[in-house]
Amino acid sequence: MTTSRLITAFTKRARSLPQIDPARDWLIVLIISTIALVGITVWNAWAFDVVASGGVIGSPAATTTPVFSQSSLDAIHAVFANRATEEEKYLSGVYSYADPSL
């Protein structure tokens, strides 16, 4: 069956549908929308209850051991300690600088 034959068959079938009834059509739309809204609300309430009680939606994540080096953590702590001492020098007045905007 060619594409043109499929299109003509579809248009003939679409034309032979019963007359449009706006009241019926809106009622169907409202019923479907209400069912969807209730379904979404129930799903969100269930998901909130599961997560609020400490559960996991779906399969729980695989636990892995953290990979880090103690020497790299010590280096990070040293950098922040150096920054804190430099900040203290600026605040205490050991360092002074000229403000170019004055």
PDB file of N, CA and C in Angstrom:
ATOM      1  N   MET A   1       0.852  -1.161   0.000  1.00  0.00           N
ATOM      2  CA  MET A   1       0.000   0.000   0.000  1.00  0.00           C
ATOM      3  C   MET A   1       0.905   1.233   0.000  1.00  0.00           C
ATOM      4  N   THR A   2       0.646   2.128  -0.899  1.00  0.00           N
ATOM      5  CA  THR A   2       1.488   3.307  -1.015  1.00  0.00           C
ATOM      6  C   THR A   2       1.068   4.357   0.007  1.00  0.00           C
ATOM      7  N   THR A   3       1.899   5.352   0.146  1.00  0.00           N
ATOM      8  CA  THR A   3       1.639   6.410   1.113  1.00  0.00           C
ATOM      9  C   THR A   3       0.398   7.208   0.735  1.00  0.00           C
ATOM     10  N   SER A   4       0.221   7.471  -0.533  1.00  0.00           N
ATOM     11  CA  SER A   4      -0.957   8.258  -0.946  1.00  0.00           C
ATOM     12  C   SER A   4      -2.246   7.508  -0.643  1.00  0.00           C
ATOM     13  N   ARG A   5      -2.248   6.196  -0.793  1.00  0.00           N
ATOM     14  CA  ARG A   5      -3.441   5.412  -0.487  1.00  0.00           C
ATOM     15  C   ARG A   5      -3.725   5.433   1.012  1.00  0.00           C
ATOM     16  N   LEU A   6      -2.682   5.407   1.820  1.00  0.00           N
ATOM     17  CA  LEU A   6      -2.872   5.481   3.275  1.00  0.00           C
ATOM     18  C   LEU A   6      -3.464   6.830   3.671  1.00  0.00           C
ATOM     19  N   ILE A   7      -2.973   7.884   3.051  1.00  0.00           N
ATOM     20  CA  ILE A   7      -3.467   9.229   3.370  1.00  0.00           C
ATOM     21  C   ILE A   7      -4.926   9.368   2.964  1.00  0.00           C
ATOM     22  N   THR A   8      -5.265   8.898   1.777  1.00  0.00           N
ATOM     23  CA  THR A   8      -6.664   9.010   1.335  1.00  0.00           C
ATOM     24  C   THR A   8      -7.578   8.150   2.198  1.00  0.00           C
ATOM     25  N   ALA A   9      -7.124   6.986   2.609  1.00  0.00           N
ATOM     26  CA  ALA A   9      -7.943   6.129   3.463  1.00  0.00           C
ATOM     27  C   ALA A   9      -8.165   6.805   4.821  1.00  0.00           C
ATOM     28  N   PHE A  10      -7.133   7.451   5.344  1.00  0.00           N
ATOM     29  CA  PHE A  10      -7.259   8.150   6.633  1.00  0.00           C
ATOM     30  C   PHE A  10      -8.216   9.330   6.524  1.00  0.00           C
ATOM     31  N   THR A  11      -8.110  10.104   5.445  1.00  0.00           N
ATOM     32  CA  THR A  11      -8.992  11.268   5.306  1.00  0.00           C
ATOM     33  C   THR A  11     -10.448  10.840   5.103  1.00  0.00           C
ATOM     34  N   LYS A  12     -10.687   9.758   4.392  1.00  0.00           N
ATOM     35  CA  LYS A  12     -12.054   9.269   4.220  1.00  0.00           C
ATOM     36  C   LYS A  12     -12.633   8.827   5.556  1.00  0.00           C
ATOM     37  N   ARG A  13     -11.822   8.143   6.354  1.00  0.00           N
ATOM     38  CA  ARG A  13     -12.284   7.688   7.655  1.00  0.00           C
ATOM     39  C   ARG A  13     -12.530   8.877   8.586  1.00  0.00           C
ATOM     40  N   ALA A  14     -11.673   9.902   8.506  1.00  0.00           N
ATOM     41  CA  ALA A  14     -11.834  11.080   9.352  1.00  0.00           C
ATOM     42  C   ALA A  14     -13.108  11.845   8.982  1.00  0.00           C
ATOM     43  N   ARG A  15     -13.445  11.863   7.699  1.00  0.00           N
ATOM     44  CA  ARG A  15     -14.653  12.566   7.264  1.00  0.00           C
ATOM     45  C   ARG A  15     -15.916  11.825   7.671  1.00  0.00           C
ATOM     46  N   SER A  16     -15.827  10.527   7.815  1.00  0.00           N
ATOM     47  CA  SER A  16     -17.025   9.743   8.118  1.00  0.00           C
ATOM     48  C   SER A  16     -17.301   9.644   9.615  1.00  0.00           C
ATOM     49  N   LEU A  17     -16.509  10.319  10.446  1.00  0.00           N
ATOM     50  CA  LEU A  17     -16.749  10.302  11.880  1.00  0.00           C
ATOM     51  C   LEU A  17     -18.059  11.020  12.187  1.00  0.00           C
ATOM     52  N   PRO A  18     -18.678  10.706  13.335  1.00  0.00           N
ATOM     53  CA  PRO A  18     -19.935  11.383  13.678  1.00  0.00           C
ATOM     54  C   PRO A  18     -19.725  12.878  13.862  1.00  0.00           C
ATOM     55  N   GLN A  19     -20.814  13.611  13.870  1.00  0.00           N
ATOM     56  CA  GLN A  19     -20.760  15.061  13.986  1.00  0.00           C
ATOM     57  C   GLN A  19     -20.062  15.474  15.285  1.00  0.00           C
ATOM     58  N   ILE A  20     -19.474  16.648  15.241  1.00  0.00           N
ATOM     59  CA  ILE A  20     -18.777  17.171  16.399  1.00  0.00           C
ATOM     60  C   ILE A  20     -19.802  17.624  17.428  1.00  0.00           C
ATOM     61  N   ASP A  21     -19.601  17.181  18.666  1.00  0.00           N
ATOM     62  CA  ASP A  21     -20.469  17.579  19.772  1.00  0.00           C
ATOM     63  C   ASP A  21     -19.578  18.266  20.809  1.00  0.00           C
ATOM     64  N   PRO A  22     -19.581  19.595  20.864  1.00  0.00           N
ATOM     65  CA  PRO A  22     -18.662  20.303  21.764  1.00  0.00           C
ATOM     66  C   PRO A  22     -18.855  19.946  23.232  1.00  0.00           C
ATOM     67  N   ALA A  23     -20.083  19.757  23.665  1.00  0.00           N
ATOM     68  CA  ALA A  23     -20.320  19.425  25.071  1.00  0.00           C
ATOM     69  C   ALA A  23     -19.695  18.079  25.417  1.00  0.00           C
ATOM     70  N   ARG A  24     -19.912  17.091  24.549  1.00  0.00           N
ATOM     71  CA  ARG A  24     -19.341  15.765  24.774  1.00  0.00           C
ATOM     72  C   ARG A  24     -17.824  15.820  24.738  1.00  0.00           C
ATOM     73  N   ASP A  25     -17.273  16.544  23.754  1.00  0.00           N
ATOM     74  CA  ASP A  25     -15.826  16.614  23.612  1.00  0.00           C
ATOM     75  C   ASP A  25     -15.173  17.300  24.809  1.00  0.00           C
ATOM     76  N   TRP A  26     -15.771  18.403  25.301  1.00  0.00           N
ATOM     77  CA  TRP A  26     -15.217  19.080  26.473  1.00  0.00           C
ATOM     78  C   TRP A  26     -15.338  18.207  27.710  1.00  0.00           C
ATOM     79  N   LEU A  27     -16.433  17.462  27.825  1.00  0.00           N
ATOM     80  CA  LEU A  27     -16.599  16.573  28.958  1.00  0.00           C
ATOM     81  C   LEU A  27     -15.508  15.502  28.954  1.00  0.00           C
ATOM     82  N   ILE A  28     -15.209  14.973  27.787  1.00  0.00           N
ATOM     83  CA  ILE A  28     -14.142  13.967  27.686  1.00  0.00           C
ATOM     84  C   ILE A  28     -12.793  14.578  28.070  1.00  0.00           C
ATOM     85  N   VAL A  29     -12.520  15.779  27.590  1.00  0.00           N
ATOM     86  CA  VAL A  29     -11.261  16.453  27.920  1.00  0.00           C
ATOM     87  C   VAL A  29     -11.165  16.695  29.419  1.00  0.00           C
ATOM     88  N   LEU A  30     -12.258  17.163  30.026  1.00  0.00           N
ATOM     89  CA  LEU A  30     -12.239  17.427  31.467  1.00  0.00           C
ATOM     90  C   LEU A  30     -12.077  16.150  32.282  1.00  0.00           C
ATOM     91  N   ILE A  31     -12.722  15.080  31.873  1.00  0.00           N
ATOM     92  CA  ILE A  31     -12.602  13.808  32.592  1.00  0.00           C
ATOM     93  C   ILE A  31     -11.170  13.288  32.509  1.00  0.00           C
ATOM     94  N   ILE A  32     -10.595  13.314  31.316  1.00  0.00           N
ATOM     95  CA  ILE A  32      -9.213  12.848  31.156  1.00  0.00           C
ATOM     96  C   ILE A  32      -8.252  13.728  31.950  1.00  0.00           C
ATOM     97  N   SER A  33      -8.469  15.039  31.936  1.00  0.00           N
ATOM     98  CA  SER A  33      -7.610  15.960  32.694  1.00  0.00           C
ATOM     99  C   SER A  33      -7.725  15.710  34.197  1.00  0.00           C
ATOM    100  N   THR A  34      -8.938  15.454  34.673  1.00  0.00           N
ATOM    101  CA  THR A  34      -9.144  15.188  36.097  1.00  0.00           C
ATOM    102  C   THR A  34      -8.461  13.887  36.507  1.00  0.00           C
ATOM    103  N   ILE A  35      -8.579  12.866  35.683  1.00  0.00           N
ATOM    104  CA  ILE A  35      -7.917  11.592  35.973  1.00  0.00           C
ATOM    105  C   ILE A  35      -6.405  11.786  36.004  1.00  0.00           C
ATOM    106  N   ALA A  36      -5.865  12.554  35.050  1.00  0.00           N
ATOM    107  CA  ALA A  36      -4.424  12.806  35.027  1.00  0.00           C
ATOM    108  C   ALA A  36      -3.989  13.596  36.257  1.00  0.00           C
ATOM    109  N   LEU A  37      -4.755  14.605  36.650  1.00  0.00           N
ATOM    110  CA  LEU A  37      -4.417  15.410  37.828  1.00  0.00           C
ATOM    111  C   LEU A  37      -4.431  14.560  39.098  1.00  0.00           C
ATOM    112  N   VAL A  38      -5.435  13.710  39.240  1.00  0.00           N
ATOM    113  CA  VAL A  38      -5.496  12.839  40.411  1.00  0.00           C
ATOM    114  C   VAL A  38      -4.313  11.876  40.414  1.00  0.00           C
ATOM    115  N   GLY A  39      -3.992  11.335  39.260  1.00  0.00           N
ATOM    116  CA  GLY A  39      -2.857  10.418  39.177  1.00  0.00           C
ATOM    117  C   GLY A  39      -1.546  11.090  39.532  1.00  0.00           C
ATOM    118  N   ILE A  40      -1.335  12.289  39.030  1.00  0.00           N
ATOM    119  CA  ILE A  40      -0.104  13.026  39.329  1.00  0.00           C
ATOM    120  C   ILE A  40      -0.040  13.373  40.808  1.00  0.00           C
ATOM    121  N   THR A  41      -1.170  13.778  41.388  1.00  0.00           N
ATOM    122  CA  THR A  41      -1.204  14.125  42.810  1.00  0.00           C
ATOM    123  C   THR A  41      -0.903  12.914  43.683  1.00  0.00           C
ATOM    124  N   VAL A  42      -1.502  11.783  43.355  1.00  0.00           N
ATOM    125  CA  VAL A  42      -1.243  10.557  44.125  1.00  0.00           C
ATOM    126  C   VAL A  42       0.221  10.156  43.994  1.00  0.00           C
ATOM    127  N   TRP A  43       0.770  10.222  42.792  1.00  0.00           N
ATOM    128  CA  TRP A  43       2.173   9.865  42.589  1.00  0.00           C
ATOM    129  C   TRP A  43       3.091  10.775  43.401  1.00  0.00           C
ATOM    130  N   ASN A  44       2.851  12.086  43.378  1.00  0.00           N
ATOM    131  CA  ASN A  44       3.699  13.012  44.121  1.00  0.00           C
ATOM    132  C   ASN A  44       3.564  12.808  45.627  1.00  0.00           C
ATOM    133  N   ALA A  45       2.364  12.535  46.107  1.00  0.00           N
ATOM    134  CA  ALA A  45       2.184  12.280  47.541  1.00  0.00           C
ATOM    135  C   ALA A  45       2.927  11.021  47.949  1.00  0.00           C
ATOM    136  N   TRP A  46       2.851   9.971  47.135  1.00  0.00           N
ATOM    137  CA  TRP A  46       3.569   8.734  47.432  1.00  0.00           C
ATOM    138  C   TRP A  46       5.074   8.965  47.414  1.00  0.00           C
ATOM    139  N   ALA A  47       5.561   9.664  46.392  1.00  0.00           N
ATOM    140  CA  ALA A  47       6.998   9.914  46.292  1.00  0.00           C
ATOM    141  C   ALA A  47       7.483  10.764  47.466  1.00  0.00           C
ATOM    142  N   PHE A  48       6.711  11.775  47.863  1.00  0.00           N
ATOM    143  CA  PHE A  48       7.096  12.601  49.005  1.00  0.00           C
ATOM    144  C   PHE A  48       7.144  11.769  50.275  1.00  0.00           C
ATOM    145  N   ASP A  49       6.160  10.900  50.466  1.00  0.00           N
ATOM    146  CA  ASP A  49       6.128  10.058  51.660  1.00  0.00           C
ATOM    147  C   ASP A  49       7.331   9.124  51.706  1.00  0.00           C
ATOM    148  N   VAL A  50       7.697   8.549  50.567  1.00  0.00           N
ATOM    149  CA  VAL A  50       8.839   7.639  50.520  1.00  0.00           C
ATOM    150  C   VAL A  50      10.129   8.390  50.843  1.00  0.00           C
ATOM    151  N   VAL A  51      10.324   9.538  50.223  1.00  0.00           N
ATOM    152  CA  VAL A  51      11.560  10.293  50.429  1.00  0.00           C
ATOM    153  C   VAL A  51      11.606  10.888  51.836  1.00  0.00           C
ATOM    154  N   ALA A  52      10.464  11.376  52.347  1.00  0.00           N
ATOM    155  CA  ALA A  52      10.433  11.966  53.687  1.00  0.00           C
ATOM    156  C   ALA A  52      10.721  10.927  54.755  1.00  0.00           C
ATOM    157  N   SER A  53      10.375   9.674  54.508  1.00  0.00           N
ATOM    158  CA  SER A  53      10.642   8.629  55.491  1.00  0.00           C
ATOM    159  C   SER A  53      12.031   8.025  55.316  1.00  0.00           C
ATOM    160  N   GLY A  54      12.843   8.596  54.429  1.00  0.00           N
ATOM    161  CA  GLY A  54      14.223   8.147  54.267  1.00  0.00           C
ATOM    162  C   GLY A  54      14.418   7.099  53.198  1.00  0.00           C
ATOM    163  N   GLY A  55      13.401   6.807  52.436  1.00  0.00           N
ATOM    164  CA  GLY A  55      13.513   5.796  51.401  1.00  0.00           C
ATOM    165  C   GLY A  55      14.099   6.355  50.115  1.00  0.00           C
ATOM    166  N   VAL A  56      14.232   5.471  49.152  1.00  0.00           N
ATOM    167  CA  VAL A  56      14.791   5.827  47.850  1.00  0.00           C
ATOM    168  C   VAL A  56      13.800   5.401  46.779  1.00  0.00           C
ATOM    169  N   ILE A  57      13.553   6.275  45.824  1.00  0.00           N
ATOM    170  CA  ILE A  57      12.694   5.918  44.699  1.00  0.00           C
ATOM    171  C   ILE A  57      13.589   5.275  43.644  1.00  0.00           C
ATOM    172  N   GLY A  58      13.227   4.095  43.228  1.00  0.00           N
ATOM    173  CA  GLY A  58      14.050   3.367  42.273  1.00  0.00           C
ATOM    174  C   GLY A  58      15.054   2.498  43.021  1.00  0.00           C
ATOM    175  N   SER A  59      16.025   2.012  42.302  1.00  0.00           N
ATOM    176  CA  SER A  59      17.030   1.156  42.937  1.00  0.00           C
ATOM    177  C   SER A  59      18.032   2.023  43.695  1.00  0.00           C
ATOM    178  N   PRO A  60      18.417   1.601  44.894  1.00  0.00           N
ATOM    179  CA  PRO A  60      19.361   2.404  45.674  1.00  0.00           C
ATOM    180  C   PRO A  60      20.730   2.439  44.993  1.00  0.00           C
ATOM    181  N   ALA A  61      21.425   3.523  45.202  1.00  0.00           N
ATOM    182  CA  ALA A  61      22.747   3.685  44.596  1.00  0.00           C
ATOM    183  C   ALA A  61      23.735   2.720  45.236  1.00  0.00           C
ATOM    184  N   ALA A  62      24.649   2.264  44.435  1.00  0.00           N
ATOM    185  CA  ALA A  62      25.678   1.364  44.942  1.00  0.00           C
ATOM    186  C   ALA A  62      26.629   2.159  45.831  1.00  0.00           C
ATOM    187  N   THR A  63      26.942   1.597  46.975  1.00  0.00           N
ATOM    188  CA  THR A  63      27.851   2.283  47.886  1.00  0.00           C
ATOM    189  C   THR A  63      29.284   1.983  47.498  1.00  0.00           C
ATOM    190  N   THR A  64      30.078   3.005  47.454  1.00  0.00           N
ATOM    191  CA  THR A  64      31.490   2.840  47.149  1.00  0.00           C
ATOM    192  C   THR A  64      32.305   3.525  48.231  1.00  0.00           C
ATOM    193  N   THR A  65      33.478   3.070  48.412  1.00  0.00           N
ATOM    194  CA  THR A  65      34.345   3.696  49.402  1.00  0.00           C
ATOM    195  C   THR A  65      34.934   4.953  48.790  1.00  0.00           C
ATOM    196  N   PRO A  66      35.007   6.030  49.564  1.00  0.00           N
ATOM    197  CA  PRO A  66      35.569   7.263  49.018  1.00  0.00           C
ATOM    198  C   PRO A  66      37.067   7.095  48.737  1.00  0.00           C
ATOM    199  N   VAL A  67      37.461   7.640  47.598  1.00  0.00           N
ATOM    200  CA  VAL A  67      38.858   7.550  47.209  1.00  0.00           C
ATOM    201  C   VAL A  67      39.482   8.927  47.388  1.00  0.00           C
ATOM    202  N   PHE A  68      40.374   9.042  48.352  1.00  0.00           N
ATOM    203  CA  PHE A  68      41.078  10.295  48.568  1.00  0.00           C
ATOM    204  C   PHE A  68      42.414   9.998  49.218  1.00  0.00           C
ATOM    205  N   SER A  69      43.261  10.957  49.126  1.00  0.00           N
ATOM    206  CA  SER A  69      44.595  10.822  49.676  1.00  0.00           C
ATOM    207  C   SER A  69      44.717  11.770  50.865  1.00  0.00           C
ATOM    208  N   GLN A  70      45.260  11.279  51.963  1.00  0.00           N
ATOM    209  CA  GLN A  70      45.421  12.110  53.147  1.00  0.00           C
ATOM    210  C   GLN A  70      46.404  13.242  52.891  1.00  0.00           C
ATOM    211  N   SER A  71      47.408  12.995  52.046  1.00  0.00           N
ATOM    212  CA  SER A  71      48.381  14.057  51.757  1.00  0.00           C
ATOM    213  C   SER A  71      47.732  15.203  50.974  1.00  0.00           C
ATOM    214  N   SER A  72      46.799  14.877  50.068  1.00  0.00           N
ATOM    215  CA  SER A  72      46.126  15.945  49.339  1.00  0.00           C
ATOM    216  C   SER A  72      45.206  16.736  50.264  1.00  0.00           C
ATOM    217  N   LEU A  73      44.570  16.078  51.217  1.00  0.00           N
ATOM    218  CA  LEU A  73      43.752  16.789  52.195  1.00  0.00           C
ATOM    219  C   LEU A  73      44.612  17.702  53.073  1.00  0.00           C
ATOM    220  N   ASP A  74      45.799  17.218  53.447  1.00  0.00           N
ATOM    221  CA  ASP A  74      46.706  18.055  54.243  1.00  0.00           C
ATOM    222  C   ASP A  74      47.158  19.265  53.456  1.00  0.00           C
ATOM    223  N   ALA A  75      47.403  19.095  52.152  1.00  0.00           N
ATOM    224  CA  ALA A  75      47.817  20.217  51.311  1.00  0.00           C
ATOM    225  C   ALA A  75      46.700  21.257  51.213  1.00  0.00           C
ATOM    226  N   ILE A  76      45.464  20.807  51.119  1.00  0.00           N
ATOM    227  CA  ILE A  76      44.334  21.738  51.053  1.00  0.00           C
ATOM    228  C   ILE A  76      44.204  22.505  52.357  1.00  0.00           C
ATOM    229  N   HIS A  77      44.340  21.802  53.477  1.00  0.00           N
ATOM    230  CA  HIS A  77      44.280  22.476  54.774  1.00  0.00           C
ATOM    231  C   HIS A  77      45.402  23.497  54.910  1.00  0.00           C
ATOM    232  N   ALA A  78      46.575  23.175  54.396  1.00  0.00           N
ATOM    233  CA  ALA A  78      47.708  24.112  54.470  1.00  0.00           C
ATOM    234  C   ALA A  78      47.433  25.364  53.639  1.00  0.00           C
ATOM    235  N   VAL A  79      46.831  25.207  52.468  1.00  0.00           N
ATOM    236  CA  VAL A  79      46.514  26.360  51.624  1.00  0.00           C
ATOM    237  C   VAL A  79      45.540  27.287  52.346  1.00  0.00           C
ATOM    238  N   PHE A  80      44.508  26.713  52.951  1.00  0.00           N
ATOM    239  CA  PHE A  80      43.543  27.551  53.656  1.00  0.00           C
ATOM    240  C   PHE A  80      44.131  28.184  54.909  1.00  0.00           C
ATOM    241  N   ALA A  81      45.052  27.494  55.568  1.00  0.00           N
ATOM    242  CA  ALA A  81      45.715  28.083  56.731  1.00  0.00           C
ATOM    243  C   ALA A  81      46.581  29.260  56.296  1.00  0.00           C
ATOM    244  N   ASN A  82      47.284  29.124  55.184  1.00  0.00           N
ATOM    245  CA  ASN A  82      48.098  30.227  54.668  1.00  0.00           C
ATOM    246  C   ASN A  82      47.219  31.424  54.290  1.00  0.00           C
ATOM    247  N   ARG A  83      46.099  31.155  53.687  1.00  0.00           N
ATOM    248  CA  ARG A  83      45.183  32.250  53.331  1.00  0.00           C
ATOM    249  C   ARG A  83      44.662  32.961  54.577  1.00  0.00           C
ATOM    250  N   ALA A  84      44.385  32.193  55.618  1.00  0.00           N
ATOM    251  CA  ALA A  84      43.880  32.801  56.850  1.00  0.00           C
ATOM    252  C   ALA A  84      44.952  33.688  57.485  1.00  0.00           C
ATOM    253  N   THR A  85      46.211  33.258  57.462  1.00  0.00           N
ATOM    254  CA  THR A  85      47.271  34.108  58.037  1.00  0.00           C
ATOM    255  C   THR A  85      47.467  35.363  57.205  1.00  0.00           C
ATOM    256  N   GLU A  86      47.378  35.268  55.882  1.00  0.00           N
ATOM    257  CA  GLU A  86      47.506  36.452  55.035  1.00  0.00           C
ATOM    258  C   GLU A  86      46.341  37.411  55.266  1.00  0.00           C
ATOM    259  N   GLU A  87      45.151  36.887  55.409  1.00  0.00           N
ATOM    260  CA  GLU A  87      44.001  37.742  55.679  1.00  0.00           C
ATOM    261  C   GLU A  87      44.171  38.460  57.018  1.00  0.00           C
ATOM    262  N   GLU A  88      44.672  37.762  57.990  1.00  0.00           N
ATOM    263  CA  GLU A  88      44.895  38.381  59.297  1.00  0.00           C
ATOM    264  C   GLU A  88      45.925  39.508  59.206  1.00  0.00           C
ATOM    265  N   LYS A  89      46.931  39.335  58.355  1.00  0.00           N
ATOM    266  CA  LYS A  89      47.935  40.387  58.180  1.00  0.00           C
ATOM    267  C   LYS A  89      47.310  41.635  57.564  1.00  0.00           C
ATOM    268  N   TYR A  90      46.404  41.471  56.614  1.00  0.00           N
ATOM    269  CA  TYR A  90      45.723  42.634  56.028  1.00  0.00           C
ATOM    270  C   TYR A  90      44.812  43.306  57.058  1.00  0.00           C
ATOM    271  N   LEU A  91      44.112  42.500  57.844  1.00  0.00           N
ATOM    272  CA  LEU A  91      43.182  43.060  58.821  1.00  0.00           C
ATOM    273  C   LEU A  91      43.910  43.743  59.983  1.00  0.00           C
ATOM    274  N   SER A  92      45.046  43.207  60.391  1.00  0.00           N
ATOM    275  CA  SER A  92      45.756  43.771  61.536  1.00  0.00           C
ATOM    276  C   SER A  92      46.600  44.987  61.163  1.00  0.00           C
ATOM    277  N   GLY A  93      46.811  45.211  59.879  1.00  0.00           N
ATOM    278  CA  GLY A  93      47.572  46.384  59.458  1.00  0.00           C
ATOM    279  C   GLY A  93      49.025  46.105  59.175  1.00  0.00           C
ATOM    280  N   VAL A  94      49.469  44.862  59.204  1.00  0.00           N
ATOM    281  CA  VAL A  94      50.855  44.542  58.857  1.00  0.00           C
ATOM    282  C   VAL A  94      51.106  44.912  57.416  1.00  0.00           C
ATOM    283  N   TYR A  95      50.158  44.555  56.535  1.00  0.00           N
ATOM    284  CA  TYR A  95      50.248  44.969  55.141  1.00  0.00           C
ATOM    285  C   TYR A  95      49.463  46.250  54.964  1.00  0.00           C
ATOM    286  N   SER A  96      49.994  47.149  54.200  1.00  0.00           N
ATOM    287  CA  SER A  96      49.242  48.346  53.866  1.00  0.00           C
ATOM    288  C   SER A  96      49.331  48.545  52.357  1.00  0.00           C
ATOM    289  N   TYR A  97      48.312  49.120  51.793  1.00  0.00           N
ATOM    290  CA  TYR A  97      48.297  49.361  50.360  1.00  0.00           C
ATOM    291  C   TYR A  97      47.646  50.718  50.085  1.00  0.00           C
ATOM    292  N   ALA A  98      48.027  51.287  48.994  1.00  0.00           N
ATOM    293  CA  ALA A  98      47.471  52.581  48.612  1.00  0.00           C
ATOM    294  C   ALA A  98      46.223  52.352  47.781  1.00  0.00           C
ATOM    295  N   ASP A  99      45.177  53.066  48.099  1.00  0.00           N
ATOM    296  CA  ASP A  99      43.928  52.944  47.361  1.00  0.00           C
ATOM    297  C   ASP A  99      44.024  53.812  46.107  1.00  0.00           C
ATOM    298  N   PRO A 100      44.020  53.210  44.911  1.00  0.00           N
ATOM    299  CA  PRO A 100      44.190  53.995  43.680  1.00  0.00           C
ATOM    300  C   PRO A 100      42.989  54.881  43.356  1.00  0.00           C
ATOM    301  N   SER A 101      41.856  54.656  44.001  1.00  0.00           N
ATOM    302  CA  SER A 101      40.674  55.455  43.677  1.00  0.00           C
ATOM    303  C   SER A 101      40.679  56.801  44.387  1.00  0.00           C
ATOM    304  N   LEU A 102      41.582  56.994  45.342  1.00  0.00           N
ATOM    305  CA  LEU A 102      41.634  58.261  46.076  1.00  0.00           C
ATOM    306  C   LEU A 102      42.507  59.272  45.423  1.00  0.00           C
TER     307      LEU A 102
END
